[in-house]
Amino acid sequence: VTEEQLRMRVFPYTLKDKAKYWLNSLKPGSLMTWGAIQKKFLEKYFSTQKTDMLRDKILLFAQQDDESLCEAWERFNGLLNQCPHHGIPLKLQMRGSYKTKTPEETYELFEEIAMETQHTDTR
């Protein structure tokens, strides 16, 4: 069983109420791939305006004055999780930080720093 097949099998069990009704009302066999399911679901439950607003928040993200690095990192990742279809490349998410590093290395660095400072941040 592939990861895509597993997601397709489990997805209906993650829904309830209106979302479950919506899925059950679709024509049987109309969604044959995980990508098709994602696209249809996001079209239904994420307005273009909401997606655009969350993308803007991700792209314009900045640590607040009264916020520790760990708190800022958690808030940033929360924004990413609120909009899993944001489509913003990791390089843009990291804004080219630490130009000698790849976007993936920069992300890992921020993750490591946030975890190390979680209990020692004094703001």
Protein backbone atom coordinates (compact mmCIF):
# COMPACT_ATOMS: atom_id res chain seq x y z
CA VAL A 1 0.00 0.00 0.00
CA THR A 2 1.45 3.36 -1.02
CA GLU A 3 1.29 6.50 1.10
CA GLU A 4 -1.19 8.00 -1.38
CA GLN A 5 -3.46 4.95 -1.14
CA LEU A 6 -3.31 5.08 2.65
CA ARG A 7 -4.25 8.76 2.69
CA MET A 8 -7.17 8.11 0.35
CA ARG A 9 -8.44 5.28 2.57
CA VAL A 10 -8.09 7.19 5.85
CA PHE A 11 -9.35 10.60 4.65
CA PRO A 12 -13.10 9.81 4.88
CA TYR A 13 -12.67 8.84 8.55
CA THR A 14 -11.16 12.24 9.35
CA LEU A 15 -14.29 14.07 8.28
CA LYS A 16 -17.48 14.77 10.16
CA ASP A 17 -20.75 16.65 9.76
CA LYS A 18 -20.88 18.85 6.65
CA ALA A 19 -17.50 17.74 5.34
CA LYS A 20 -18.50 14.07 5.55
CA TYR A 21 -21.81 14.86 3.83
CA TRP A 22 -19.92 16.78 1.12
CA LEU A 23 -17.58 13.85 0.43
CA ASN A 24 -20.44 11.35 0.34
CA SER A 25 -22.39 13.55 -2.08
CA LEU A 26 -19.63 13.45 -4.71
CA LYS A 27 -20.04 11.17 -7.70
CA PRO A 28 -18.46 7.79 -6.89
CA GLY A 29 -15.12 7.38 -8.65
CA SER A 30 -14.81 11.10 -9.36
CA LEU A 31 -11.70 11.46 -7.18
CA MET A 32 -9.13 8.86 -8.15
CA THR A 33 -5.95 10.39 -6.73
CA TRP A 34 -4.92 11.99 -3.45
CA GLY A 35 -4.08 15.16 -5.37
CA ALA A 36 -7.62 15.30 -6.78
CA ILE A 37 -9.11 14.82 -3.31
CA GLN A 38 -6.91 17.57 -1.86
CA LYS A 39 -7.73 19.98 -4.67
CA LYS A 40 -11.49 19.42 -4.42
CA PHE A 41 -11.49 19.65 -0.61
CA LEU A 42 -9.43 22.83 -0.54
CA GLU A 43 -11.62 24.42 -3.24
CA LYS A 44 -14.64 23.69 -1.07
CA TYR A 45 -13.31 24.66 2.36
CA PHE A 46 -10.57 27.24 1.70
CA SER A 47 -11.68 30.41 -0.03
CA THR A 48 -9.22 32.17 -2.30
CA GLN A 49 -9.38 35.15 0.07
CA LYS A 50 -8.46 33.03 3.10
CA THR A 51 -5.62 31.36 1.23
CA ASP A 52 -4.29 34.72 0.01
CA MET A 53 -4.52 36.18 3.53
CA LEU A 54 -2.57 33.26 5.03
CA ARG A 55 0.04 33.38 2.24
CA ASP A 56 0.54 37.08 2.97
CA LYS A 57 0.96 36.36 6.68
CA ILE A 58 3.57 33.71 5.88
CA LEU A 59 5.49 35.93 3.48
CA LEU A 60 5.36 38.98 5.77
CA PHE A 61 6.06 37.04 8.96
CA ALA A 62 8.25 38.73 11.56
CA GLN A 63 9.06 37.98 15.17
CA GLN A 64 7.15 40.31 17.49
CA ASP A 65 9.00 42.44 20.05
CA ASP A 66 7.51 40.61 23.03
CA GLU A 67 7.91 37.15 21.49
CA SER A 68 10.71 34.66 22.07
CA LEU A 69 12.32 32.94 19.11
CA CYS A 70 10.67 29.68 20.12
CA GLU A 71 7.23 31.33 20.26
CA ALA A 72 7.81 33.03 16.91
CA TRP A 73 8.90 29.74 15.33
CA GLU A 74 5.81 27.98 16.68
CA ARG A 75 3.59 30.78 15.35
CA PHE A 76 5.28 30.62 11.94
CA ASN A 77 4.80 26.85 11.74
CA GLY A 78 1.19 27.32 12.85
CA LEU A 79 0.62 29.60 9.86
CA LEU A 80 2.14 26.99 7.55
CA ASN A 81 -0.15 24.33 9.03
CA GLN A 82 -3.23 26.54 8.64
CA CYS A 83 -2.54 26.74 4.92
CA PRO A 84 -0.95 23.44 3.83
CA HIS A 85 -1.57 24.32 0.19
CA HIS A 86 0.25 27.68 0.40
CA GLY A 87 2.62 26.70 -2.40
CA ILE A 88 5.36 28.98 -1.08
CA PRO A 89 8.77 27.46 -1.81
CA LEU A 90 10.95 26.88 1.23
CA LYS A 91 13.48 29.40 -0.11
CA LEU A 92 10.84 32.15 0.06
CA GLN A 93 9.61 30.98 3.45
CA MET A 94 13.15 31.38 4.74
CA ARG A 95 13.57 34.63 2.74
CA GLY A 96 16.97 33.53 1.54
CA SER A 97 18.28 33.60 5.13
CA TYR A 98 21.86 32.61 5.64
CA LYS A 99 22.73 32.79 1.96
CA THR A 100 25.49 30.19 2.26
CA LYS A 101 22.94 27.58 3.34
CA THR A 102 20.24 25.82 1.35
CA PRO A 103 16.62 26.62 2.28
CA GLU A 104 16.39 23.17 3.89
CA GLU A 105 19.51 23.81 5.99
CA THR A 106 18.15 27.21 7.04
CA TYR A 107 14.84 25.65 8.10
CA GLU A 108 16.65 22.98 10.12
CA LEU A 109 18.85 25.65 11.72
CA PHE A 110 15.83 27.68 12.85
CA GLU A 111 14.17 24.51 14.15
CA GLU A 112 17.28 23.61 16.15
CA ILE A 113 17.74 27.14 17.54
CA ALA A 114 14.08 27.37 18.53
CA MET A 115 14.24 24.04 20.36
CA GLU A 116 17.50 24.92 22.15
CA THR A 117 16.20 28.29 23.31
CA GLN A 118 12.73 27.06 24.26
CA HIS A 119 13.51 26.97 27.98
CA THR A 120 16.18 29.67 28.13
CA ASP A 121 14.57 32.55 26.22
CA THR A 122 14.43 35.72 28.28
CA ARG A 123 13.03 37.82 25.43
